[in-house]
N, C-alpha and C. Protein backbone atom coordinates (compact mmCIF):
# COMPACT_ATOMS: atom_id res chain seq x y z
N ASP A 1 -97.96 -9.19 -6.48
CA ASP A 1 -97.83 -7.70 -6.57
C ASP A 1 -96.43 -7.34 -6.23
N GLN A 2 -95.77 -8.02 -5.25
CA GLN A 2 -94.46 -7.62 -4.93
C GLN A 2 -93.45 -7.75 -6.07
N ALA A 3 -93.60 -8.82 -6.89
CA ALA A 3 -92.69 -8.92 -8.03
C ALA A 3 -92.88 -7.81 -9.02
N LEU A 4 -94.15 -7.44 -9.32
CA LEU A 4 -94.43 -6.38 -10.28
C LEU A 4 -93.89 -5.02 -9.69
N MET A 5 -94.12 -4.76 -8.40
CA MET A 5 -93.58 -3.52 -7.83
C MET A 5 -92.11 -3.49 -7.87
N ALA A 6 -91.39 -4.57 -7.64
CA ALA A 6 -89.94 -4.66 -7.67
C ALA A 6 -89.48 -4.26 -9.07
N ALA A 7 -90.13 -4.91 -10.05
CA ALA A 7 -89.72 -4.59 -11.47
C ALA A 7 -90.00 -3.26 -11.98
N LEU A 8 -91.11 -2.63 -11.28
CA LEU A 8 -91.39 -1.22 -11.71
C LEU A 8 -90.46 -0.25 -10.99
N THR A 9 -90.06 -0.52 -9.84
CA THR A 9 -89.44 0.55 -8.94
C THR A 9 -87.94 0.40 -8.84
N LEU A 10 -87.41 -0.83 -9.00
CA LEU A 10 -86.00 -0.95 -9.02
C LEU A 10 -85.34 -0.48 -10.24
N PRO A 11 -84.28 0.29 -10.22
CA PRO A 11 -83.63 0.67 -11.35
C PRO A 11 -82.75 -0.47 -11.95
N GLN A 12 -82.61 -0.61 -13.22
CA GLN A 12 -81.72 -1.66 -13.75
C GLN A 12 -80.38 -0.89 -13.94
N GLY A 13 -79.34 -1.60 -13.36
CA GLY A 13 -77.98 -1.00 -13.39
C GLY A 13 -77.55 -0.80 -14.87
N GLU A 14 -76.62 0.05 -15.14
CA GLU A 14 -76.18 0.40 -16.49
C GLU A 14 -75.57 -0.83 -17.08
N ASP A 15 -74.64 -1.56 -16.32
CA ASP A 15 -74.03 -2.71 -16.94
C ASP A 15 -74.71 -4.05 -16.43
N GLU A 16 -75.89 -3.94 -15.87
CA GLU A 16 -76.54 -5.10 -15.43
C GLU A 16 -77.31 -5.78 -16.59
N SER A 17 -77.09 -7.06 -16.71
CA SER A 17 -77.80 -7.80 -17.75
C SER A 17 -79.39 -7.93 -17.27
N LEU A 18 -80.22 -8.11 -18.25
CA LEU A 18 -81.61 -8.42 -17.92
C LEU A 18 -81.84 -9.60 -17.01
N ASP A 19 -81.08 -10.66 -17.32
CA ASP A 19 -81.16 -11.81 -16.35
C ASP A 19 -80.84 -11.57 -14.93
N ASP A 20 -79.74 -10.67 -14.77
CA ASP A 20 -79.30 -10.30 -13.47
C ASP A 20 -80.31 -9.40 -12.78
N PHE A 21 -80.86 -8.44 -13.54
CA PHE A 21 -81.87 -7.54 -13.01
C PHE A 21 -83.08 -8.40 -12.57
N ILE A 22 -83.54 -9.41 -13.36
CA ILE A 22 -84.72 -10.24 -13.03
C ILE A 22 -84.39 -10.99 -11.72
N LYS A 23 -83.30 -11.51 -11.62
CA LYS A 23 -82.88 -12.15 -10.35
C LYS A 23 -82.86 -11.21 -9.16
N ARG A 24 -82.41 -10.02 -9.29
CA ARG A 24 -82.40 -9.03 -8.25
C ARG A 24 -83.86 -8.60 -7.92
N ALA A 25 -84.69 -8.40 -8.90
CA ALA A 25 -86.08 -8.06 -8.70
C ALA A 25 -86.79 -9.12 -7.98
N LYS A 26 -86.53 -10.43 -8.30
CA LYS A 26 -87.19 -11.53 -7.61
C LYS A 26 -86.72 -11.54 -6.16
N GLN A 27 -85.45 -11.43 -5.94
CA GLN A 27 -84.92 -11.41 -4.49
C GLN A 27 -85.55 -10.29 -3.73
N ASP A 28 -85.68 -9.01 -4.36
CA ASP A 28 -86.33 -8.01 -3.68
C ASP A 28 -87.76 -8.26 -3.35
N ALA A 29 -88.52 -8.82 -4.26
CA ALA A 29 -89.85 -9.12 -4.04
C ALA A 29 -90.10 -10.15 -2.92
N LYS A 30 -89.14 -11.13 -2.88
CA LYS A 30 -89.17 -12.13 -1.87
C LYS A 30 -88.92 -11.50 -0.47
N GLU A 31 -87.96 -10.58 -0.39
CA GLU A 31 -87.69 -9.86 0.88
C GLU A 31 -88.88 -9.07 1.35
N GLN A 32 -89.52 -8.42 0.40
CA GLN A 32 -90.70 -7.54 0.72
C GLN A 32 -91.88 -8.47 1.21
N SER A 33 -92.04 -9.58 0.57
CA SER A 33 -93.08 -10.50 1.02
C SER A 33 -92.81 -11.08 2.39
N ILE A 34 -91.56 -11.35 2.69
CA ILE A 34 -91.24 -11.82 4.12
C ILE A 34 -91.42 -10.71 5.11
N LYS A 35 -91.03 -9.50 4.83
CA LYS A 35 -91.34 -8.46 5.69
C LYS A 35 -92.75 -8.27 6.07
N ALA A 36 -93.68 -8.30 4.96
CA ALA A 36 -95.02 -8.18 5.02
C ALA A 36 -95.57 -9.35 5.90
N ALA A 37 -95.14 -10.52 5.73
CA ALA A 37 -95.65 -11.62 6.52
C ALA A 37 -95.25 -11.46 7.96
N GLN A 38 -94.01 -11.02 8.20
CA GLN A 38 -93.59 -10.83 9.58
C GLN A 38 -94.39 -9.70 10.30
N LYS A 39 -94.77 -8.68 9.56
CA LYS A 39 -95.52 -7.57 10.10
C LYS A 39 -96.95 -8.14 10.38
N GLY A 40 -97.51 -8.90 9.53
CA GLY A 40 -98.80 -9.49 9.68
C GLY A 40 -98.82 -10.39 10.96
N THR A 41 -97.78 -11.19 11.11
CA THR A 41 -97.61 -11.99 12.40
C THR A 41 -97.58 -11.15 13.55
N GLU A 42 -96.84 -10.13 13.57
CA GLU A 42 -96.79 -9.21 14.70
C GLU A 42 -98.16 -8.61 15.05
N ILE A 43 -98.87 -8.14 14.06
CA ILE A 43 -100.18 -7.58 14.30
C ILE A 43 -101.16 -8.72 14.81
N HIS A 44 -101.14 -9.86 14.31
CA HIS A 44 -101.96 -10.93 14.84
C HIS A 44 -101.61 -11.12 16.34
N ALA A 45 -100.39 -11.20 16.66
CA ALA A 45 -99.94 -11.40 17.98
C ALA A 45 -100.38 -10.26 18.97
N GLU A 46 -100.37 -9.04 18.45
CA GLU A 46 -100.86 -7.93 19.26
C GLU A 46 -102.38 -8.03 19.47
N ILE A 47 -103.07 -8.39 18.47
CA ILE A 47 -104.55 -8.61 18.77
C ILE A 47 -104.84 -9.71 19.62
N GLU A 48 -104.15 -10.78 19.49
CA GLU A 48 -104.33 -11.89 20.37
C GLU A 48 -104.08 -11.52 21.83
N ALA A 49 -102.94 -10.79 22.01
CA ALA A 49 -102.59 -10.36 23.35
C ALA A 49 -103.65 -9.52 23.93
N GLY A 50 -104.27 -8.64 23.20
CA GLY A 50 -105.32 -7.85 23.68
C GLY A 50 -106.54 -8.66 24.14
N PHE A 51 -106.91 -9.68 23.38
CA PHE A 51 -107.99 -10.51 23.80
C PHE A 51 -107.70 -11.51 24.90
N THR A 52 -106.46 -11.77 25.22
CA THR A 52 -106.02 -12.57 26.30
C THR A 52 -105.46 -11.83 27.56
N GLY A 53 -105.80 -10.62 27.65
CA GLY A 53 -105.44 -9.85 28.86
C GLY A 53 -104.15 -9.09 28.74
N GLY A 54 -103.56 -9.06 27.58
CA GLY A 54 -102.36 -8.25 27.51
C GLY A 54 -102.68 -6.80 27.22
N LYS A 55 -101.64 -6.03 27.00
CA LYS A 55 -101.76 -4.70 26.82
C LYS A 55 -102.57 -4.33 25.54
N PRO A 56 -103.55 -3.58 25.56
CA PRO A 56 -104.35 -3.23 24.27
C PRO A 56 -103.45 -2.40 23.37
N THR A 57 -103.43 -2.72 22.12
CA THR A 57 -102.70 -2.02 21.18
C THR A 57 -103.61 -1.37 20.14
N GLU A 58 -103.02 -0.53 19.21
CA GLU A 58 -103.84 0.13 18.20
C GLU A 58 -104.58 -0.89 17.40
N ALA A 59 -104.02 -1.97 16.93
CA ALA A 59 -104.73 -2.95 16.15
C ALA A 59 -105.87 -3.57 16.99
N TYR A 60 -105.55 -4.03 18.21
CA TYR A 60 -106.61 -4.65 19.00
C TYR A 60 -107.72 -3.71 19.27
N SER A 61 -107.43 -2.48 19.61
CA SER A 61 -108.46 -1.47 19.97
C SER A 61 -109.41 -1.31 18.71
N ALA A 62 -108.77 -1.17 17.51
CA ALA A 62 -109.50 -1.01 16.30
C ALA A 62 -110.50 -2.21 15.99
N VAL A 63 -109.88 -3.37 16.14
CA VAL A 63 -110.69 -4.68 15.95
C VAL A 63 -111.80 -4.73 16.90
N MET A 64 -111.49 -4.51 18.19
CA MET A 64 -112.48 -4.64 19.24
C MET A 64 -113.62 -3.66 19.01
N GLN A 65 -113.35 -2.40 18.63
CA GLN A 65 -114.35 -1.38 18.43
C GLN A 65 -115.22 -1.82 17.21
N SER A 66 -114.63 -2.31 16.18
CA SER A 66 -115.38 -2.79 15.02
C SER A 66 -116.35 -3.88 15.36
N LEU A 67 -115.85 -4.90 16.11
CA LEU A 67 -116.69 -6.10 16.50
C LEU A 67 -117.77 -5.66 17.48
N THR A 68 -117.42 -4.81 18.39
CA THR A 68 -118.40 -4.33 19.42
C THR A 68 -119.57 -3.52 18.76
N GLN A 69 -119.11 -2.77 17.77
CA GLN A 69 -120.21 -1.90 17.07
C GLN A 69 -121.21 -2.83 16.35
N GLU A 70 -120.76 -3.94 15.83
CA GLU A 70 -121.75 -4.85 15.14
C GLU A 70 -122.40 -5.84 15.98
N PHE A 71 -121.62 -6.41 17.03
CA PHE A 71 -122.10 -7.57 17.75
C PHE A 71 -122.33 -7.30 19.20
N GLY A 72 -121.92 -6.16 19.67
CA GLY A 72 -122.16 -5.89 21.08
C GLY A 72 -120.97 -6.66 21.91
N GLU A 73 -121.32 -6.82 23.21
CA GLU A 73 -120.32 -7.54 24.08
C GLU A 73 -120.49 -9.07 23.82
N CYS A 74 -119.33 -9.74 23.62
CA CYS A 74 -119.29 -11.16 23.37
C CYS A 74 -118.20 -11.75 24.27
N ASN A 75 -118.26 -13.04 24.51
CA ASN A 75 -117.24 -13.82 25.23
C ASN A 75 -116.34 -14.39 24.15
N TRP A 76 -115.28 -13.66 23.76
CA TRP A 76 -114.39 -14.10 22.65
C TRP A 76 -113.31 -15.04 23.19
N VAL A 77 -113.00 -15.98 22.30
CA VAL A 77 -111.92 -16.89 22.46
C VAL A 77 -110.90 -16.68 21.30
N ALA A 78 -109.66 -16.38 21.68
CA ALA A 78 -108.62 -16.01 20.73
C ALA A 78 -107.68 -17.17 20.49
N GLU A 79 -107.22 -17.32 19.21
CA GLU A 79 -106.25 -18.18 18.80
C GLU A 79 -106.35 -19.64 19.40
N ASP A 80 -107.44 -20.26 19.10
CA ASP A 80 -107.80 -21.53 19.74
C ASP A 80 -107.67 -22.58 18.62
N SER A 81 -106.93 -23.70 18.97
CA SER A 81 -106.76 -24.82 17.99
C SER A 81 -107.92 -25.77 18.17
N PHE A 82 -108.20 -26.52 17.06
CA PHE A 82 -109.20 -27.51 17.09
C PHE A 82 -108.86 -28.57 16.10
N SER A 83 -109.53 -29.79 16.27
CA SER A 83 -109.43 -30.81 15.31
C SER A 83 -110.84 -31.36 15.16
N CYS A 84 -111.04 -31.81 13.87
CA CYS A 84 -112.42 -32.21 13.53
C CYS A 84 -112.34 -33.67 13.11
N ALA A 85 -113.43 -34.32 13.45
CA ALA A 85 -113.54 -35.77 13.09
C ALA A 85 -113.52 -36.01 11.64
N LEU A 86 -113.80 -34.95 10.79
CA LEU A 86 -113.76 -35.18 9.35
C LEU A 86 -112.31 -35.26 8.82
N GLY A 87 -111.36 -35.08 9.70
CA GLY A 87 -109.95 -35.16 9.23
C GLY A 87 -109.24 -33.86 8.91
N PHE A 88 -109.63 -32.86 9.62
CA PHE A 88 -108.86 -31.51 9.42
C PHE A 88 -108.86 -30.76 10.74
N GLY A 89 -107.99 -29.84 10.89
CA GLY A 89 -107.93 -28.99 12.05
C GLY A 89 -107.35 -27.60 11.71
N GLY A 90 -107.30 -26.86 12.69
CA GLY A 90 -106.71 -25.44 12.42
C GLY A 90 -106.69 -24.68 13.70
N LYS A 91 -106.25 -23.41 13.50
CA LYS A 91 -106.18 -22.51 14.66
C LYS A 91 -106.97 -21.25 14.21
N ILE A 92 -107.99 -21.00 15.03
CA ILE A 92 -108.91 -19.92 14.65
C ILE A 92 -108.54 -18.66 15.40
N ASP A 93 -108.42 -17.53 14.56
CA ASP A 93 -108.07 -16.25 15.05
C ASP A 93 -108.95 -15.89 16.28
N LEU A 94 -110.27 -15.98 16.15
CA LEU A 94 -111.18 -15.49 17.12
C LEU A 94 -112.66 -16.03 16.88
N TYR A 95 -113.26 -16.45 17.98
CA TYR A 95 -114.67 -16.80 17.86
C TYR A 95 -115.38 -16.51 19.21
N ALA A 96 -116.78 -16.50 19.04
CA ALA A 96 -117.64 -16.36 20.19
C ALA A 96 -118.54 -17.62 20.33
N ASP A 97 -118.84 -18.12 21.47
CA ASP A 97 -119.77 -19.15 21.58
C ASP A 97 -121.11 -18.91 21.01
N SER A 98 -121.42 -17.74 20.67
CA SER A 98 -122.66 -17.38 20.10
C SER A 98 -122.74 -17.71 18.59
N GLY A 99 -121.62 -18.31 17.97
CA GLY A 99 -121.60 -18.70 16.65
C GLY A 99 -120.84 -17.74 15.74
N ILE A 100 -120.18 -16.81 16.26
CA ILE A 100 -119.37 -15.85 15.47
C ILE A 100 -118.03 -16.35 15.26
N VAL A 101 -117.51 -16.41 13.94
CA VAL A 101 -116.20 -16.91 13.72
C VAL A 101 -115.49 -15.80 12.92
N VAL A 102 -114.26 -15.42 13.35
CA VAL A 102 -113.53 -14.26 12.87
C VAL A 102 -112.19 -14.71 12.42
N ASP A 103 -111.75 -14.11 11.21
CA ASP A 103 -110.44 -14.30 10.79
C ASP A 103 -109.84 -12.98 10.43
N PHE A 104 -108.59 -12.73 10.81
CA PHE A 104 -107.87 -11.49 10.57
C PHE A 104 -107.00 -11.66 9.30
N LYS A 105 -106.93 -10.63 8.50
CA LYS A 105 -106.04 -10.60 7.31
C LYS A 105 -105.38 -9.26 7.35
N THR A 106 -104.08 -9.25 7.12
CA THR A 106 -103.32 -7.98 7.04
C THR A 106 -103.12 -7.64 5.59
N LYS A 107 -103.12 -6.36 5.30
CA LYS A 107 -102.91 -5.96 3.90
C LYS A 107 -102.34 -4.45 3.86
N ASP A 108 -101.46 -4.25 2.84
CA ASP A 108 -101.02 -2.84 2.78
C ASP A 108 -101.99 -1.99 2.09
N GLY A 109 -102.10 -0.74 2.51
CA GLY A 109 -102.98 0.22 1.81
C GLY A 109 -104.42 -0.22 1.55
N LEU A 110 -105.17 -0.49 2.70
CA LEU A 110 -106.48 -0.77 2.61
C LEU A 110 -107.30 0.42 1.95
N THR A 111 -108.18 0.10 1.17
CA THR A 111 -109.17 1.05 0.62
C THR A 111 -110.47 1.00 1.32
N ASP A 112 -111.51 1.56 0.76
CA ASP A 112 -112.76 1.44 1.48
C ASP A 112 -113.52 0.25 1.16
N LYS A 113 -113.00 -0.73 0.34
CA LYS A 113 -113.65 -1.88 -0.04
C LYS A 113 -112.87 -3.11 0.45
N ALA A 114 -113.47 -4.01 1.22
CA ALA A 114 -112.78 -5.17 1.78
C ALA A 114 -112.39 -6.05 0.61
N PRO A 115 -111.11 -6.56 0.57
CA PRO A 115 -110.69 -7.38 -0.41
C PRO A 115 -110.93 -8.87 -0.15
N VAL A 116 -112.27 -9.21 -0.34
CA VAL A 116 -112.67 -10.52 0.05
C VAL A 116 -112.67 -11.54 -1.15
N TYR A 117 -112.35 -12.75 -0.90
CA TYR A 117 -112.38 -13.83 -1.92
C TYR A 117 -113.08 -15.08 -1.32
N ASP A 118 -113.48 -15.96 -2.17
CA ASP A 118 -114.14 -17.19 -1.83
C ASP A 118 -113.30 -17.94 -0.78
N GLU A 119 -111.92 -17.87 -1.00
CA GLU A 119 -111.08 -18.69 -0.07
C GLU A 119 -111.23 -18.25 1.36
N HIS A 120 -111.51 -16.91 1.56
CA HIS A 120 -111.66 -16.42 2.89
C HIS A 120 -112.96 -17.02 3.42
N GLY A 121 -114.00 -16.94 2.68
CA GLY A 121 -115.32 -17.57 3.13
C GLY A 121 -115.15 -19.04 3.43
N MET A 122 -114.38 -19.75 2.59
CA MET A 122 -114.25 -21.19 2.76
C MET A 122 -113.50 -21.41 4.04
N GLN A 123 -112.48 -20.63 4.42
CA GLN A 123 -111.75 -20.86 5.63
C GLN A 123 -112.61 -20.59 6.85
N LEU A 124 -113.47 -19.64 6.83
CA LEU A 124 -114.38 -19.44 7.90
C LEU A 124 -115.40 -20.50 7.96
N SER A 125 -115.88 -20.96 6.95
CA SER A 125 -116.85 -22.09 6.98
C SER A 125 -116.31 -23.34 7.55
N ALA A 126 -115.03 -23.55 7.14
CA ALA A 126 -114.35 -24.75 7.66
C ALA A 126 -114.13 -24.58 9.15
N TYR A 127 -113.73 -23.49 9.64
CA TYR A 127 -113.68 -23.22 11.18
C TYR A 127 -114.96 -23.48 11.78
N ALA A 128 -116.00 -22.90 11.24
CA ALA A 128 -117.37 -23.08 11.77
C ALA A 128 -117.70 -24.58 11.83
N LEU A 129 -117.39 -25.32 10.82
CA LEU A 129 -117.68 -26.73 10.82
C LEU A 129 -116.90 -27.47 11.90
N GLY A 130 -115.63 -27.03 12.02
CA GLY A 130 -114.82 -27.67 13.17
C GLY A 130 -115.32 -27.28 14.50
N LEU A 131 -115.93 -26.23 14.70
CA LEU A 131 -116.46 -25.75 15.92
C LEU A 131 -117.90 -26.37 16.25
N GLY A 132 -118.52 -26.87 15.15
CA GLY A 132 -119.83 -27.38 15.39
C GLY A 132 -120.88 -26.33 15.19
N PHE A 133 -120.59 -25.11 14.69
CA PHE A 133 -121.55 -24.10 14.36
C PHE A 133 -122.29 -24.30 13.10
N ASP A 134 -123.61 -24.66 13.20
CA ASP A 134 -124.44 -24.94 12.01
C ASP A 134 -124.81 -23.70 11.25
N ASP A 135 -125.03 -22.58 11.94
CA ASP A 135 -125.55 -21.39 11.32
C ASP A 135 -124.63 -20.17 11.75
N PRO A 136 -123.35 -20.24 11.39
CA PRO A 136 -122.37 -19.26 11.85
C PRO A 136 -122.49 -17.87 11.27
N ILE A 137 -122.05 -16.86 11.97
CA ILE A 137 -121.78 -15.54 11.54
C ILE A 137 -120.31 -15.50 11.27
N ARG A 138 -119.93 -15.39 9.92
CA ARG A 138 -118.58 -15.44 9.56
C ARG A 138 -118.04 -14.02 9.25
N VAL A 139 -116.93 -13.59 9.84
CA VAL A 139 -116.37 -12.24 9.74
C VAL A 139 -114.93 -12.26 9.33
N SER A 140 -114.66 -11.51 8.21
CA SER A 140 -113.24 -11.32 7.85
C SER A 140 -112.89 -9.87 8.30
N ILE A 141 -111.82 -9.67 9.01
CA ILE A 141 -111.41 -8.35 9.36
C ILE A 141 -110.00 -8.15 8.75
N PHE A 142 -109.94 -7.07 8.03
CA PHE A 142 -108.69 -6.66 7.29
C PHE A 142 -108.12 -5.55 8.10
N ILE A 143 -106.86 -5.62 8.41
CA ILE A 143 -106.07 -4.67 9.12
C ILE A 143 -104.94 -4.17 8.12
N ASP A 144 -104.83 -2.84 8.13
CA ASP A 144 -103.79 -2.23 7.26
C ASP A 144 -102.43 -2.42 8.02
N ARG A 145 -101.50 -2.98 7.29
CA ARG A 145 -100.14 -3.25 7.95
C ARG A 145 -99.43 -1.92 8.28
N ASN A 146 -99.67 -0.96 7.44
CA ASN A 146 -99.03 0.39 7.66
C ASN A 146 -99.74 1.26 8.68
N ASP A 147 -101.02 1.00 8.90
CA ASP A 147 -101.68 1.87 9.86
C ASP A 147 -102.69 0.82 10.54
N PRO A 148 -102.23 0.11 11.59
CA PRO A 148 -103.15 -0.93 12.25
C PRO A 148 -104.45 -0.36 12.86
N SER A 149 -104.49 0.89 12.99
CA SER A 149 -105.82 1.48 13.54
C SER A 149 -106.90 1.49 12.45
N LYS A 150 -106.52 1.21 11.16
CA LYS A 150 -107.43 1.13 10.12
C LYS A 150 -107.86 -0.31 9.81
N VAL A 151 -109.13 -0.59 10.07
CA VAL A 151 -109.69 -1.91 9.89
C VAL A 151 -110.94 -1.85 8.97
N LEU A 152 -111.14 -2.93 8.19
CA LEU A 152 -112.32 -3.03 7.48
C LEU A 152 -112.93 -4.37 7.88
N GLN A 153 -114.20 -4.43 8.21
CA GLN A 153 -114.84 -5.62 8.61
C GLN A 153 -115.86 -6.05 7.53
N HIS A 154 -115.81 -7.32 7.13
CA HIS A 154 -116.69 -7.84 6.18
C HIS A 154 -117.39 -9.01 6.85
N THR A 155 -118.73 -8.87 7.05
CA THR A 155 -119.56 -9.96 7.50
C THR A 155 -120.22 -10.62 6.31
N TRP A 156 -119.88 -11.95 6.20
CA TRP A 156 -120.38 -12.68 5.10
C TRP A 156 -121.90 -12.92 5.14
N ASP A 157 -122.58 -12.93 4.01
CA ASP A 157 -123.98 -13.24 4.01
C ASP A 157 -124.13 -14.71 4.33
N LYS A 158 -125.24 -14.95 5.05
CA LYS A 158 -125.56 -16.27 5.57
C LYS A 158 -125.65 -17.32 4.47
N LYS A 159 -126.21 -16.92 3.38
CA LYS A 159 -126.53 -17.97 2.29
C LYS A 159 -125.20 -18.46 1.62
N SER A 160 -124.11 -17.73 1.76
CA SER A 160 -122.85 -18.11 1.15
C SER A 160 -122.17 -19.19 1.94
N HIS A 161 -122.53 -19.37 3.25
CA HIS A 161 -121.89 -20.33 4.11
C HIS A 161 -122.02 -21.81 3.52
N GLU A 162 -123.22 -22.19 3.15
CA GLU A 162 -123.36 -23.45 2.54
C GLU A 162 -122.48 -23.72 1.35
N LYS A 163 -122.38 -22.70 0.39
CA LYS A 163 -121.58 -22.90 -0.78
C LYS A 163 -120.05 -22.99 -0.32
N HIS A 164 -119.64 -22.14 0.64
CA HIS A 164 -118.20 -22.12 0.99
C HIS A 164 -117.99 -23.41 1.72
N ARG A 165 -118.82 -23.87 2.60
CA ARG A 165 -118.55 -25.10 3.24
C ARG A 165 -118.44 -26.30 2.27
N ASP A 166 -119.36 -26.35 1.30
CA ASP A 166 -119.33 -27.46 0.33
C ASP A 166 -118.00 -27.40 -0.58
N MET A 167 -117.60 -26.11 -0.87
CA MET A 167 -116.31 -26.00 -1.70
C MET A 167 -115.16 -26.51 -0.76
N PHE A 168 -115.11 -26.15 0.48
CA PHE A 168 -114.04 -26.62 1.31
C PHE A 168 -114.10 -28.16 1.43
N LEU A 169 -115.31 -28.67 1.69
CA LEU A 169 -115.41 -30.16 1.76
C LEU A 169 -114.95 -30.92 0.54
N SER A 170 -115.31 -30.36 -0.64
CA SER A 170 -114.79 -30.89 -1.94
C SER A 170 -113.25 -30.90 -2.02
N LEU A 171 -112.70 -29.82 -1.56
CA LEU A 171 -111.18 -29.79 -1.55
C LEU A 171 -110.61 -30.80 -0.54
N LEU A 172 -111.24 -30.82 0.65
CA LEU A 172 -110.75 -31.72 1.65
C LEU A 172 -110.94 -33.24 1.15
N SER A 173 -111.99 -33.49 0.46
CA SER A 173 -112.14 -34.82 -0.08
C SER A 173 -111.01 -35.19 -1.15
N TYR A 174 -110.77 -34.16 -2.02
CA TYR A 174 -109.69 -34.39 -2.98
C TYR A 174 -108.41 -34.64 -2.32
N TRP A 175 -108.08 -33.82 -1.31
CA TRP A 175 -106.77 -33.93 -0.65
C TRP A 175 -106.72 -35.30 0.05
N GLN A 176 -107.78 -35.72 0.69
CA GLN A 176 -107.76 -37.00 1.43
C GLN A 176 -107.57 -38.16 0.45
N LEU A 177 -108.21 -38.09 -0.73
CA LEU A 177 -108.08 -39.14 -1.65
C LEU A 177 -106.69 -39.20 -2.33
N SER A 178 -106.18 -37.95 -2.58
CA SER A 178 -104.85 -37.83 -3.16
C SER A 178 -103.70 -38.35 -2.24
N LYS A 179 -103.90 -38.33 -0.86
CA LYS A 179 -102.98 -38.72 0.11
C LYS A 179 -103.31 -40.03 0.65
N ASN A 180 -104.36 -40.75 0.05
CA ASN A 180 -104.79 -42.02 0.64
C ASN A 180 -105.10 -41.91 2.19
N TYR A 181 -105.73 -40.86 2.53
CA TYR A 181 -106.03 -40.54 3.98
C TYR A 181 -107.24 -41.34 4.33
């Protein structure tokens, strides 16, 4: 999206060749992507700080309100690393020992519909597998980078967990075979 936005919004200089304009548009798109990633990292850190006893921020408060509304009070664990005997590991944004696994995604300009993809479900199913949760509740929370008080919560349906887990395990198997792991 960043590349298309750059091409649509940057003016081409009068004496600028098309090749030079394309290079400049690509550079602008790259800079915008880096800024978006940095903002996403900042928001993740603010949310983590809220869950680990730091000062509550706008993003943390919005996430906490959304989770509490659906799940009530839980003992949350934030930014926890794990390794799994199946040969993978990761760092989970948030989970509760009751079997809830949460991942945060930041996005510009959230609408009323959560932008979910199978990859998000696979990531959550992999985390659940790594934690040993057989019947997890998987939650994707989207936070607007421009307005961190705006969040959308998507709780995945239970029956998609098996599909997403199997999709992940298939990719893991491929990766392990290709790397002679």
